[in-house]
Amino acid sequence: MNSTKPQPVVLDTSVFSNPAVAEAFGPDAATALDVFVDLARQVDNRATFYMPPSVFAELQTFVDRDRLPSDFQFVLCLKAPTRDEITVPGNYLYELIDDIRTRVDRGLRVAEKAVREVKPSSVEKTITRLRDRYREALRTGLLDSTEDLDVILLAHELGAAVCSADTGLMRWAERIGLRLIEPRALRGILERLSDDNRASNA
């Protein structure tokens, strides 16, 4: 990261809500946020962190507002992308539509297979399996929410890195040419930057 100008980083909810990722910061989302805010405060000369308001609203479904660190909104800037001013190349829209169409076809095949396998004694089990397979066929690796899109648009607008555990979001961020930060590595990065700051101030 640039030592003279803070590197902007846009965060997604999954950094704190995905258990496999959030455990790098703490055992639950609230603790993970506390640890993140403490570390981010120590490196504000090296990195600035952003989150779209839509993502912040989503985050509050995992962490009660009164459990948020008191200076959370000071350390992590809430900013919406200027959606009406951002130009998106047509080939990205083409790829997105093509991806959606392919996944819908895949989902239909999953549904057809489930119907062929159903037996009167296993209807509930078949429905559960169908839901899981259908969700995997349609959503895994897809840019599938307005919150995800807000993260990408804001990162594009700010020239920021993206940090998320969402494979679809990261896949599209990579396609657009945005810098990526692996969420499991984020705590280690912040700790190294904090150590560098302490060493330079010694």
N, C-alpha and C. Protein backbone atom coordinates (compact mmCIF):
# COMPACT_ATOMS: atom_id res chain seq x y z
N MET A 1 0.83 -1.20 0.00
CA MET A 1 0.00 0.00 0.00
C MET A 1 0.87 1.25 0.00
N ASN A 2 0.36 2.29 -0.59
CA ASN A 2 1.11 3.54 -0.70
C ASN A 2 1.28 4.19 0.66
N SER A 3 2.54 4.57 1.00
CA SER A 3 2.80 5.13 2.33
C SER A 3 2.52 6.62 2.41
N THR A 4 2.33 7.29 1.25
CA THR A 4 2.10 8.73 1.28
C THR A 4 0.62 9.07 1.16
N LYS A 5 -0.12 8.24 0.46
CA LYS A 5 -1.55 8.48 0.30
C LYS A 5 -2.31 7.23 0.72
N PRO A 6 -3.24 7.35 1.65
CA PRO A 6 -3.95 6.16 2.11
C PRO A 6 -4.64 5.42 0.97
N GLN A 7 -4.54 4.11 1.00
CA GLN A 7 -5.18 3.26 0.00
C GLN A 7 -6.64 3.06 0.38
N PRO A 8 -7.58 3.46 -0.50
CA PRO A 8 -8.99 3.20 -0.18
C PRO A 8 -9.34 1.72 -0.37
N VAL A 9 -10.13 1.20 0.54
CA VAL A 9 -10.57 -0.19 0.50
C VAL A 9 -12.07 -0.23 0.77
N VAL A 10 -12.82 -0.89 -0.10
CA VAL A 10 -14.26 -1.03 0.10
C VAL A 10 -14.54 -2.43 0.65
N LEU A 11 -15.26 -2.47 1.76
CA LEU A 11 -15.55 -3.73 2.44
C LEU A 11 -16.98 -4.18 2.21
N ASP A 12 -17.14 -5.49 2.19
CA ASP A 12 -18.45 -6.13 2.07
C ASP A 12 -18.84 -6.74 3.42
N THR A 13 -20.12 -6.95 3.63
CA THR A 13 -20.61 -7.55 4.87
C THR A 13 -19.90 -8.85 5.22
N SER A 14 -19.59 -9.65 4.20
CA SER A 14 -19.06 -11.00 4.43
C SER A 14 -17.74 -11.01 5.20
N VAL A 15 -17.00 -9.90 5.18
CA VAL A 15 -15.75 -9.82 5.94
C VAL A 15 -16.02 -10.04 7.42
N PHE A 16 -17.22 -9.64 7.87
CA PHE A 16 -17.57 -9.76 9.29
C PHE A 16 -18.63 -10.83 9.56
N SER A 17 -19.40 -11.21 8.54
CA SER A 17 -20.52 -12.13 8.76
C SER A 17 -20.22 -13.57 8.35
N ASN A 18 -19.27 -13.77 7.45
CA ASN A 18 -18.91 -15.13 7.03
C ASN A 18 -18.02 -15.75 8.10
N PRO A 19 -18.49 -16.78 8.81
CA PRO A 19 -17.72 -17.32 9.94
C PRO A 19 -16.30 -17.74 9.59
N ALA A 20 -16.12 -18.32 8.40
CA ALA A 20 -14.80 -18.79 8.00
C ALA A 20 -13.81 -17.65 7.83
N VAL A 21 -14.32 -16.45 7.54
CA VAL A 21 -13.47 -15.28 7.32
C VAL A 21 -13.39 -14.43 8.59
N ALA A 22 -14.54 -14.19 9.21
CA ALA A 22 -14.60 -13.31 10.38
C ALA A 22 -13.80 -13.84 11.55
N GLU A 23 -13.58 -15.16 11.61
CA GLU A 23 -12.85 -15.73 12.74
C GLU A 23 -11.41 -15.22 12.81
N ALA A 24 -10.90 -14.66 11.71
CA ALA A 24 -9.57 -14.05 11.75
C ALA A 24 -9.56 -12.85 12.68
N PHE A 25 -10.73 -12.22 12.86
CA PHE A 25 -10.85 -11.05 13.74
C PHE A 25 -11.45 -11.39 15.10
N GLY A 26 -12.31 -12.39 15.15
CA GLY A 26 -12.96 -12.73 16.41
C GLY A 26 -13.98 -13.83 16.24
N PRO A 27 -14.51 -14.36 17.36
CA PRO A 27 -15.42 -15.50 17.32
C PRO A 27 -16.83 -15.19 16.81
N ASP A 28 -17.19 -13.91 16.76
CA ASP A 28 -18.51 -13.53 16.25
C ASP A 28 -18.39 -12.18 15.55
N ALA A 29 -19.47 -11.81 14.85
CA ALA A 29 -19.43 -10.59 14.03
C ALA A 29 -19.16 -9.34 14.85
N ALA A 30 -19.76 -9.23 16.03
CA ALA A 30 -19.57 -8.04 16.87
C ALA A 30 -18.12 -7.91 17.33
N THR A 31 -17.52 -9.01 17.76
CA THR A 31 -16.12 -8.99 18.18
C THR A 31 -15.21 -8.69 17.00
N ALA A 32 -15.53 -9.30 15.86
CA ALA A 32 -14.73 -9.06 14.65
C ALA A 32 -14.72 -7.57 14.30
N LEU A 33 -15.87 -6.92 14.41
CA LEU A 33 -15.96 -5.48 14.14
C LEU A 33 -15.12 -4.67 15.12
N ASP A 34 -15.17 -5.04 16.40
CA ASP A 34 -14.38 -4.34 17.42
C ASP A 34 -12.89 -4.40 17.09
N VAL A 35 -12.42 -5.60 16.78
CA VAL A 35 -10.99 -5.79 16.48
C VAL A 35 -10.61 -5.04 15.21
N PHE A 36 -11.47 -5.14 14.18
CA PHE A 36 -11.19 -4.44 12.93
C PHE A 36 -11.07 -2.93 13.15
N VAL A 37 -12.04 -2.35 13.85
CA VAL A 37 -12.05 -0.90 14.08
C VAL A 37 -10.80 -0.47 14.83
N ASP A 38 -10.39 -1.25 15.83
CA ASP A 38 -9.19 -0.93 16.60
C ASP A 38 -7.95 -0.91 15.70
N LEU A 39 -7.83 -1.92 14.83
CA LEU A 39 -6.67 -1.98 13.93
C LEU A 39 -6.74 -0.90 12.85
N ALA A 40 -7.94 -0.68 12.29
CA ALA A 40 -8.09 0.32 11.23
C ALA A 40 -7.76 1.71 11.74
N ARG A 41 -8.10 1.99 12.99
CA ARG A 41 -7.79 3.28 13.60
C ARG A 41 -6.27 3.50 13.65
N GLN A 42 -5.52 2.43 13.85
CA GLN A 42 -4.06 2.52 13.97
C GLN A 42 -3.36 2.75 12.63
N VAL A 43 -4.06 2.50 11.53
CA VAL A 43 -3.41 2.60 10.21
C VAL A 43 -4.11 3.60 9.30
N ASP A 44 -4.82 4.58 9.89
CA ASP A 44 -5.60 5.51 9.06
C ASP A 44 -4.73 6.38 8.15
N ASN A 45 -3.42 6.39 8.38
CA ASN A 45 -2.52 7.11 7.47
C ASN A 45 -2.12 6.24 6.28
N ARG A 46 -2.47 4.95 6.33
CA ARG A 46 -2.09 4.02 5.28
C ARG A 46 -3.28 3.48 4.49
N ALA A 47 -4.44 3.44 5.13
CA ALA A 47 -5.62 2.88 4.48
C ALA A 47 -6.88 3.57 4.98
N THR A 48 -7.81 3.80 4.07
CA THR A 48 -9.13 4.33 4.43
C THR A 48 -10.17 3.30 4.01
N PHE A 49 -11.13 3.05 4.87
CA PHE A 49 -12.10 2.00 4.62
C PHE A 49 -13.49 2.58 4.36
N TYR A 50 -14.16 2.00 3.37
CA TYR A 50 -15.48 2.46 2.94
C TYR A 50 -16.46 1.30 2.94
N MET A 51 -17.72 1.64 3.10
CA MET A 51 -18.80 0.67 2.98
C MET A 51 -20.04 1.41 2.47
N PRO A 52 -20.68 0.91 1.40
CA PRO A 52 -21.92 1.54 0.95
C PRO A 52 -23.00 1.42 2.03
N PRO A 53 -23.88 2.43 2.16
CA PRO A 53 -24.96 2.36 3.15
C PRO A 53 -25.84 1.11 3.00
N SER A 54 -26.03 0.65 1.77
CA SER A 54 -26.84 -0.56 1.55
C SER A 54 -26.18 -1.78 2.21
N VAL A 55 -24.86 -1.82 2.16
CA VAL A 55 -24.11 -2.92 2.79
C VAL A 55 -24.14 -2.77 4.31
N PHE A 56 -24.07 -1.53 4.79
CA PHE A 56 -24.14 -1.27 6.23
C PHE A 56 -25.49 -1.74 6.78
N ALA A 57 -26.56 -1.50 6.02
CA ALA A 57 -27.89 -1.96 6.44
C ALA A 57 -27.93 -3.48 6.51
N GLU A 58 -27.28 -4.13 5.55
CA GLU A 58 -27.20 -5.59 5.55
C GLU A 58 -26.39 -6.08 6.76
N LEU A 59 -25.31 -5.38 7.07
CA LEU A 59 -24.47 -5.75 8.21
C LEU A 59 -25.25 -5.75 9.52
N GLN A 60 -26.20 -4.82 9.63
CA GLN A 60 -26.97 -4.70 10.87
C GLN A 60 -27.96 -5.84 11.07
N THR A 61 -28.10 -6.71 10.07
CA THR A 61 -28.89 -7.92 10.28
C THR A 61 -28.06 -8.98 10.99
N PHE A 62 -26.74 -8.77 11.04
CA PHE A 62 -25.84 -9.70 11.73
C PHE A 62 -25.37 -9.16 13.08
N VAL A 63 -25.30 -7.84 13.21
CA VAL A 63 -24.82 -7.21 14.44
C VAL A 63 -25.82 -6.13 14.85
N ASP A 64 -26.32 -6.21 16.08
CA ASP A 64 -27.22 -5.17 16.57
C ASP A 64 -26.53 -3.82 16.55
N ARG A 65 -27.28 -2.79 16.20
CA ARG A 65 -26.71 -1.45 16.11
C ARG A 65 -26.02 -1.03 17.42
N ASP A 66 -26.58 -1.42 18.56
CA ASP A 66 -25.97 -1.03 19.83
C ASP A 66 -24.71 -1.82 20.17
N ARG A 67 -24.40 -2.85 19.37
CA ARG A 67 -23.16 -3.60 19.56
C ARG A 67 -22.03 -3.07 18.67
N LEU A 68 -22.36 -2.12 17.79
CA LEU A 68 -21.33 -1.55 16.91
C LEU A 68 -20.38 -0.69 17.73
N PRO A 69 -19.09 -0.71 17.40
CA PRO A 69 -18.14 0.19 18.09
C PRO A 69 -18.60 1.63 17.95
N SER A 70 -18.40 2.44 18.98
CA SER A 70 -18.91 3.81 19.00
C SER A 70 -18.35 4.66 17.86
N ASP A 71 -17.12 4.39 17.44
CA ASP A 71 -16.51 5.18 16.37
C ASP A 71 -16.51 4.45 15.03
N PHE A 72 -17.38 3.44 14.90
CA PHE A 72 -17.42 2.64 13.68
C PHE A 72 -17.59 3.50 12.43
N GLN A 73 -18.56 4.43 12.47
CA GLN A 73 -18.84 5.24 11.28
C GLN A 73 -17.80 6.33 11.06
N PHE A 74 -16.92 6.54 12.01
CA PHE A 74 -15.82 7.47 11.80
C PHE A 74 -14.64 6.74 11.15
N VAL A 75 -14.41 5.52 11.59
CA VAL A 75 -13.30 4.73 11.05
C VAL A 75 -13.65 4.16 9.68
N LEU A 76 -14.89 3.74 9.51
CA LEU A 76 -15.33 3.16 8.25
C LEU A 76 -16.34 4.12 7.61
N CYS A 77 -15.94 4.76 6.54
CA CYS A 77 -16.77 5.80 5.90
C CYS A 77 -17.94 5.16 5.16
N LEU A 78 -19.14 5.63 5.46
CA LEU A 78 -20.32 5.18 4.73
C LEU A 78 -20.52 6.10 3.53
N LYS A 79 -20.45 5.53 2.33
CA LYS A 79 -20.59 6.33 1.11
C LYS A 79 -21.26 5.49 0.03
N ALA A 80 -22.29 6.07 -0.58
CA ALA A 80 -22.95 5.40 -1.70
C ALA A 80 -22.23 5.76 -2.99
N PRO A 81 -22.19 4.84 -3.94
CA PRO A 81 -21.60 5.19 -5.24
C PRO A 81 -22.52 6.16 -5.96
N THR A 82 -21.93 7.02 -6.79
CA THR A 82 -22.75 7.95 -7.60
C THR A 82 -23.21 7.18 -8.84
N ARG A 83 -24.25 6.37 -8.64
CA ARG A 83 -24.68 5.42 -9.66
C ARG A 83 -24.99 6.07 -11.01
N ASP A 84 -25.58 7.26 -10.97
CA ASP A 84 -26.00 7.89 -12.23
C ASP A 84 -24.84 8.53 -12.98
N GLU A 85 -23.65 8.56 -12.39
CA GLU A 85 -22.50 9.18 -13.05
C GLU A 85 -21.46 8.16 -13.50
N ILE A 86 -21.64 6.89 -13.14
CA ILE A 86 -20.65 5.86 -13.45
C ILE A 86 -21.00 5.20 -14.77
N THR A 87 -20.04 5.15 -15.67
CA THR A 87 -20.23 4.51 -16.97
C THR A 87 -19.75 3.06 -16.90
N VAL A 88 -20.61 2.14 -17.33
CA VAL A 88 -20.25 0.72 -17.33
C VAL A 88 -20.12 0.26 -18.77
N PRO A 89 -18.95 -0.29 -19.15
CA PRO A 89 -18.78 -0.78 -20.52
C PRO A 89 -19.83 -1.83 -20.88
N GLY A 90 -20.31 -1.77 -22.10
CA GLY A 90 -21.37 -2.68 -22.55
C GLY A 90 -21.00 -4.14 -22.47
N ASN A 91 -19.70 -4.47 -22.65
CA ASN A 91 -19.32 -5.88 -22.64
C ASN A 91 -19.52 -6.51 -21.26
N TYR A 92 -19.42 -5.69 -20.18
CA TYR A 92 -19.67 -6.23 -18.84
C TYR A 92 -21.14 -6.60 -18.69
N LEU A 93 -22.02 -5.73 -19.19
CA LEU A 93 -23.45 -6.03 -19.13
C LEU A 93 -23.77 -7.27 -19.95
N TYR A 94 -23.12 -7.39 -21.11
CA TYR A 94 -23.33 -8.56 -21.97
C TYR A 94 -22.93 -9.83 -21.22
N GLU A 95 -21.75 -9.80 -20.57
CA GLU A 95 -21.27 -10.96 -19.82
C GLU A 95 -22.20 -11.31 -18.67
N LEU A 96 -22.71 -10.27 -17.99
CA LEU A 96 -23.61 -10.51 -16.86
C LEU A 96 -24.90 -11.18 -17.32
N ILE A 97 -25.50 -10.67 -18.40
CA ILE A 97 -26.73 -11.25 -18.92
C ILE A 97 -26.49 -12.68 -19.39
N ASP A 98 -25.36 -12.90 -20.07
CA ASP A 98 -25.02 -14.24 -20.54
C ASP A 98 -24.85 -15.20 -19.36
N ASP A 99 -24.21 -14.72 -18.32
CA ASP A 99 -24.00 -15.52 -17.11
C ASP A 99 -25.33 -15.88 -16.47
N ILE A 100 -26.23 -14.90 -16.36
CA ILE A 100 -27.55 -15.14 -15.76
C ILE A 100 -28.33 -16.16 -16.59
N ARG A 101 -28.30 -16.01 -17.92
CA ARG A 101 -29.03 -16.94 -18.79
C ARG A 101 -28.51 -18.37 -18.63
N THR A 102 -27.18 -18.50 -18.58
CA THR A 102 -26.57 -19.82 -18.41
C THR A 102 -26.99 -20.45 -17.09
N ARG A 103 -27.03 -19.63 -16.04
CA ARG A 103 -27.39 -20.14 -14.72
C ARG A 103 -28.87 -20.51 -14.63
N VAL A 104 -29.73 -19.75 -15.29
CA VAL A 104 -31.15 -20.10 -15.31
C VAL A 104 -31.34 -21.45 -15.99
N ASP A 105 -30.64 -21.66 -17.11
CA ASP A 105 -30.72 -22.95 -17.80
C ASP A 105 -30.23 -24.08 -16.90
N ARG A 106 -29.13 -23.82 -16.18
CA ARG A 106 -28.57 -24.82 -15.26
C ARG A 106 -29.57 -25.11 -14.13
N GLY A 107 -30.23 -24.06 -13.64
CA GLY A 107 -31.23 -24.24 -12.58
C GLY A 107 -32.41 -25.07 -13.05
N LEU A 108 -32.82 -24.86 -14.30
CA LEU A 108 -33.93 -25.65 -14.84
C LEU A 108 -33.55 -27.13 -14.94
N ARG A 109 -32.30 -27.41 -15.33
CA ARG A 109 -31.85 -28.80 -15.41
C ARG A 109 -31.84 -29.45 -14.02
N VAL A 110 -31.43 -28.67 -13.01
CA VAL A 110 -31.44 -29.18 -11.64
C VAL A 110 -32.87 -29.51 -11.22
N ALA A 111 -33.83 -28.62 -11.56
CA ALA A 111 -35.23 -28.84 -11.20
C ALA A 111 -35.80 -30.06 -11.92
N GLU A 112 -35.47 -30.21 -13.21
CA GLU A 112 -35.95 -31.36 -13.99
C GLU A 112 -35.45 -32.67 -13.39
N LYS A 113 -34.17 -32.68 -12.99
CA LYS A 113 -33.59 -33.88 -12.41
C LYS A 113 -34.28 -34.24 -11.09
N ALA A 114 -34.57 -33.21 -10.29
CA ALA A 114 -35.23 -33.45 -9.00
C ALA A 114 -36.63 -34.04 -9.20
N VAL A 115 -37.35 -33.54 -10.20
CA VAL A 115 -38.70 -34.05 -10.48
C VAL A 115 -38.65 -35.52 -10.88
N ARG A 116 -37.64 -35.87 -11.69
CA ARG A 116 -37.51 -37.26 -12.13
C ARG A 116 -37.16 -38.20 -10.97
N GLU A 117 -36.45 -37.67 -9.97
CA GLU A 117 -36.00 -38.50 -8.84
C GLU A 117 -37.03 -38.62 -7.72
N VAL A 118 -38.06 -37.80 -7.75
CA VAL A 118 -38.98 -37.73 -6.60
C VAL A 118 -39.78 -39.03 -6.44
N LYS A 119 -39.93 -39.41 -5.17
CA LYS A 119 -40.75 -40.56 -4.80
C LYS A 119 -41.72 -40.07 -3.72
N PRO A 120 -42.91 -40.63 -3.68
CA PRO A 120 -43.90 -40.16 -2.68
C PRO A 120 -43.35 -40.12 -1.26
N SER A 121 -42.47 -41.05 -0.93
CA SER A 121 -41.95 -41.12 0.45
C SER A 121 -40.81 -40.14 0.72
N SER A 122 -40.32 -39.48 -0.32
CA SER A 122 -39.14 -38.61 -0.13
C SER A 122 -39.34 -37.20 -0.67
N VAL A 123 -40.58 -36.73 -0.67
CA VAL A 123 -40.88 -35.41 -1.22
C VAL A 123 -40.12 -34.30 -0.49
N GLU A 124 -40.19 -34.29 0.85
CA GLU A 124 -39.53 -33.23 1.61
C GLU A 124 -38.02 -33.23 1.40
N LYS A 125 -37.43 -34.42 1.41
CA LYS A 125 -35.99 -34.55 1.20
C LYS A 125 -35.60 -34.06 -0.20
N THR A 126 -36.43 -34.38 -1.19
CA THR A 126 -36.16 -33.95 -2.56
C THR A 126 -36.26 -32.44 -2.69
N ILE A 127 -37.26 -31.84 -2.04
CA ILE A 127 -37.42 -30.38 -2.08
C ILE A 127 -36.22 -29.70 -1.45
N THR A 128 -35.76 -30.21 -0.31
CA THR A 128 -34.58 -29.62 0.36
C THR A 128 -33.35 -29.71 -0.54
N ARG A 129 -33.16 -30.89 -1.14
CA ARG A 129 -32.01 -31.08 -2.02
C ARG A 129 -32.12 -30.18 -3.25
N LEU A 130 -33.34 -30.04 -3.78
CA LEU A 130 -33.57 -29.17 -4.94
C LEU A 130 -33.21 -27.73 -4.61
N ARG A 131 -33.65 -27.25 -3.44
CA ARG A 131 -33.35 -25.87 -3.04
C ARG A 131 -31.84 -25.64 -2.96
N ASP A 132 -31.13 -26.58 -2.34
CA ASP A 132 -29.68 -26.43 -2.19
C ASP A 132 -28.98 -26.42 -3.55
N ARG A 133 -29.34 -27.37 -4.41
CA ARG A 133 -28.70 -27.46 -5.72
C ARG A 133 -29.08 -26.28 -6.61
N TYR A 134 -30.34 -25.87 -6.52
CA TYR A 134 -30.81 -24.74 -7.33
C TYR A 134 -30.09 -23.46 -6.93
N ARG A 135 -29.95 -23.25 -5.60
CA ARG A 135 -29.24 -22.07 -5.09
C ARG A 135 -27.79 -22.08 -5.56
N GLU A 136 -27.16 -23.25 -5.49
CA GLU A 136 -25.77 -23.35 -5.92
C GLU A 136 -25.63 -23.09 -7.41
N ALA A 137 -26.55 -23.63 -8.21
CA ALA A 137 -26.49 -23.46 -9.66
C ALA A 137 -26.71 -22.01 -10.08
N LEU A 138 -27.61 -21.32 -9.38
CA LEU A 138 -27.97 -19.97 -9.80
C LEU A 138 -27.13 -18.88 -9.15
N ARG A 139 -26.72 -19.05 -7.89
CA ARG A 139 -26.15 -17.92 -7.15
C ARG A 139 -24.65 -17.98 -6.92
N THR A 140 -24.07 -19.17 -6.80
CA THR A 140 -22.65 -19.26 -6.49
C THR A 140 -21.82 -18.64 -7.61
N GLY A 141 -21.01 -17.65 -7.26
CA GLY A 141 -20.16 -17.00 -8.25
C GLY A 141 -20.84 -15.92 -9.08
N LEU A 142 -22.10 -15.61 -8.76
CA LEU A 142 -22.85 -14.61 -9.53
C LEU A 142 -22.94 -13.29 -8.76
N LEU A 143 -22.88 -12.20 -9.49
CA LEU A 143 -23.13 -10.88 -8.89
C LEU A 143 -24.65 -10.79 -8.74
N ASP A 144 -25.15 -11.09 -7.53
CA ASP A 144 -26.58 -11.35 -7.40
C ASP A 144 -27.33 -10.43 -6.45
N SER A 145 -26.74 -9.29 -6.08
CA SER A 145 -27.48 -8.37 -5.22
C SER A 145 -27.07 -6.93 -5.51
N THR A 146 -27.97 -6.01 -5.19
CA THR A 146 -27.66 -4.59 -5.38
C THR A 146 -26.56 -4.15 -4.42
N GLU A 147 -26.46 -4.82 -3.25
CA GLU A 147 -25.39 -4.50 -2.30
C GLU A 147 -24.03 -4.83 -2.91
N ASP A 148 -23.93 -6.00 -3.56
CA ASP A 148 -22.68 -6.38 -4.22
C ASP A 148 -22.32 -5.37 -5.30
N LEU A 149 -23.32 -4.97 -6.07
CA LEU A 149 -23.08 -4.01 -7.14
C LEU A 149 -22.61 -2.67 -6.58
N ASP A 150 -23.20 -2.24 -5.46
CA ASP A 150 -22.76 -1.00 -4.82
C ASP A 150 -21.28 -1.06 -4.43
N VAL A 151 -20.84 -2.21 -3.91
CA VAL A 151 -19.42 -2.36 -3.54
C VAL A 151 -18.53 -2.17 -4.76
N ILE A 152 -18.89 -2.81 -5.87
CA ILE A 152 -18.07 -2.73 -7.08
C ILE A 152 -18.08 -1.32 -7.66
N LEU A 153 -19.26 -0.70 -7.73
CA LEU A 153 -19.35 0.65 -8.28
C LEU A 153 -18.58 1.66 -7.43
N LEU A 154 -18.69 1.54 -6.11
CA LEU A 154 -17.97 2.46 -5.23
C LEU A 154 -16.46 2.26 -5.36
N ALA A 155 -16.01 1.02 -5.42
CA ALA A 155 -14.58 0.75 -5.58
C ALA A 155 -14.07 1.30 -6.91
N HIS A 156 -14.87 1.15 -7.95
CA HIS A 156 -14.50 1.68 -9.27
C HIS A 156 -14.40 3.20 -9.22
N GLU A 157 -15.37 3.82 -8.56
CA GLU A 157 -15.40 5.28 -8.45
C GLU A 157 -14.20 5.82 -7.67
N LEU A 158 -13.82 5.13 -6.60
CA LEU A 158 -12.74 5.60 -5.72
C LEU A 158 -11.36 5.12 -6.14
N GLY A 159 -11.30 4.19 -7.09
CA GLY A 159 -10.02 3.56 -7.41
C GLY A 159 -9.55 2.72 -6.24
N ALA A 160 -10.50 2.06 -5.59
CA ALA A 160 -10.22 1.34 -4.34
C ALA A 160 -10.05 -0.15 -4.56
N ALA A 161 -9.45 -0.79 -3.56
CA ALA A 161 -9.39 -2.25 -3.52
C ALA A 161 -10.72 -2.76 -2.96
N VAL A 162 -11.04 -4.01 -3.28
CA VAL A 162 -12.25 -4.66 -2.78
C VAL A 162 -11.86 -5.81 -1.87
N CYS A 163 -12.52 -5.89 -0.72
CA CYS A 163 -12.29 -7.00 0.21
C CYS A 163 -13.63 -7.64 0.52
N SER A 164 -13.79 -8.89 0.11
CA SER A 164 -15.05 -9.60 0.30
C SER A 164 -14.81 -11.10 0.27
N ALA A 165 -15.67 -11.85 0.97
CA ALA A 165 -15.63 -13.31 0.91
C ALA A 165 -16.63 -13.84 -0.11
N ASP A 166 -17.34 -12.94 -0.80
CA ASP A 166 -18.34 -13.31 -1.79
C ASP A 166 -17.63 -13.59 -3.11
N THR A 167 -17.69 -14.84 -3.57
CA THR A 167 -16.95 -15.22 -4.77
C THR A 167 -17.48 -14.51 -6.02
N GLY A 168 -18.80 -14.31 -6.10
CA GLY A 168 -19.35 -13.62 -7.26
C GLY A 168 -18.90 -12.18 -7.32
N LEU A 169 -18.92 -11.51 -6.18
CA LEU A 169 -18.48 -10.11 -6.11
C LEU A 169 -17.00 -10.00 -6.49
N MET A 170 -16.17 -10.86 -5.93
CA MET A 170 -14.73 -10.80 -6.21
C MET A 170 -14.43 -11.16 -7.67
N ARG A 171 -15.20 -12.08 -8.21
CA ARG A 171 -15.01 -12.47 -9.61
C ARG A 171 -15.28 -11.29 -10.54
N TRP A 172 -16.35 -10.54 -10.26
CA TRP A 172 -16.67 -9.40 -11.10
C TRP A 172 -15.72 -8.23 -10.85
N ALA A 173 -15.28 -8.06 -9.61
CA ALA A 173 -14.29 -7.02 -9.32
C ALA A 173 -13.00 -7.29 -10.10
N GLU A 174 -12.62 -8.56 -10.18
CA GLU A 174 -11.42 -8.94 -10.94
C GLU A 174 -11.63 -8.67 -12.43
N ARG A 175 -12.80 -9.01 -12.95
CA ARG A 175 -13.08 -8.77 -14.37
C ARG A 175 -12.96 -7.29 -14.73
N ILE A 176 -13.40 -6.44 -13.83
CA ILE A 176 -13.39 -5.00 -14.09
C ILE A 176 -11.99 -4.42 -13.90
N GLY A 177 -11.10 -5.18 -13.27
CA GLY A 177 -9.73 -4.72 -13.09
C GLY A 177 -9.47 -4.03 -11.76
N LEU A 178 -10.35 -4.28 -10.78
CA LEU A 178 -10.16 -3.69 -9.46
C LEU A 178 -9.13 -4.48 -8.66
N ARG A 179 -8.47 -3.81 -7.75
CA ARG A 179 -7.52 -4.49 -6.87
C ARG A 179 -8.30 -5.30 -5.84
N LEU A 180 -7.81 -6.49 -5.54
CA LEU A 180 -8.50 -7.39 -4.62
C LEU A 180 -7.66 -7.62 -3.36
N ILE A 181 -8.34 -7.71 -2.22
CA ILE A 181 -7.68 -8.08 -0.97
C ILE A 181 -8.40 -9.31 -0.43
N GLU A 182 -7.65 -10.40 -0.25
CA GLU A 182 -8.21 -11.62 0.31
C GLU A 182 -8.63 -11.35 1.75
N PRO A 183 -9.92 -11.56 2.08
CA PRO A 183 -10.40 -11.18 3.42
C PRO A 183 -9.69 -11.90 4.57
N ARG A 184 -9.26 -13.13 4.34
CA ARG A 184 -8.56 -13.85 5.41
C ARG A 184 -7.20 -13.23 5.71
N ALA A 185 -6.67 -12.45 4.76
CA ALA A 185 -5.36 -11.81 4.95
C ALA A 185 -5.47 -10.41 5.54
N LEU A 186 -6.70 -9.88 5.63
CA LEU A 186 -6.87 -8.48 6.02
C LEU A 186 -6.31 -8.18 7.40
N ARG A 187 -6.58 -9.02 8.38
CA ARG A 187 -6.07 -8.74 9.73
C ARG A 187 -4.54 -8.70 9.73
N GLY A 188 -3.91 -9.65 9.07
CA GLY A 188 -2.45 -9.67 9.01
C GLY A 188 -1.88 -8.43 8.35
N ILE A 189 -2.55 -7.96 7.29
CA ILE A 189 -2.11 -6.74 6.60
C ILE A 189 -2.19 -5.54 7.55
N LEU A 190 -3.32 -5.42 8.25
CA LEU A 190 -3.50 -4.30 9.18
C LEU A 190 -2.47 -4.35 10.30
N GLU A 191 -2.20 -5.53 10.81
CA GLU A 191 -1.21 -5.65 11.90
C GLU A 191 0.19 -5.27 11.44
N ARG A 192 0.54 -5.67 10.21
CA ARG A 192 1.87 -5.30 9.67
C ARG A 192 1.98 -3.79 9.47
N LEU A 193 0.91 -3.18 8.95
CA LEU A 193 0.92 -1.73 8.76
C LEU A 193 1.01 -1.01 10.10
N SER A 194 0.31 -1.53 11.10
CA SER A 194 0.37 -0.94 12.44
C SER A 194 1.79 -1.05 13.01
N ASP A 195 2.41 -2.21 12.83
CA ASP A 195 3.80 -2.40 13.29
C ASP A 195 4.74 -1.42 12.58
N ASP A 196 4.54 -1.24 11.26
CA ASP A 196 5.37 -0.30 10.50
C ASP A 196 5.22 1.11 11.05
N ASN A 197 3.98 1.50 11.36
CA ASN A 197 3.73 2.83 11.92
C ASN A 197 4.45 3.02 13.25
N ARG A 198 4.37 2.00 14.10
CA ARG A 198 5.04 2.10 15.40
C ARG A 198 6.55 2.20 15.24
N ALA A 199 7.09 1.43 14.30
CA ALA A 199 8.54 1.44 14.08
C ALA A 199 9.00 2.79 13.55
N SER A 200 8.21 3.39 12.65
CA SER A 200 8.61 4.67 12.07
C SER A 200 8.46 5.82 13.07
N ASN A 201 7.61 5.62 14.09
CA ASN A 201 7.41 6.67 15.10
C ASN A 201 8.33 6.50 16.31
N ALA A 202 9.06 5.38 16.33
CA ALA A 202 9.94 5.11 17.48
C ALA A 202 11.14 6.05 17.49
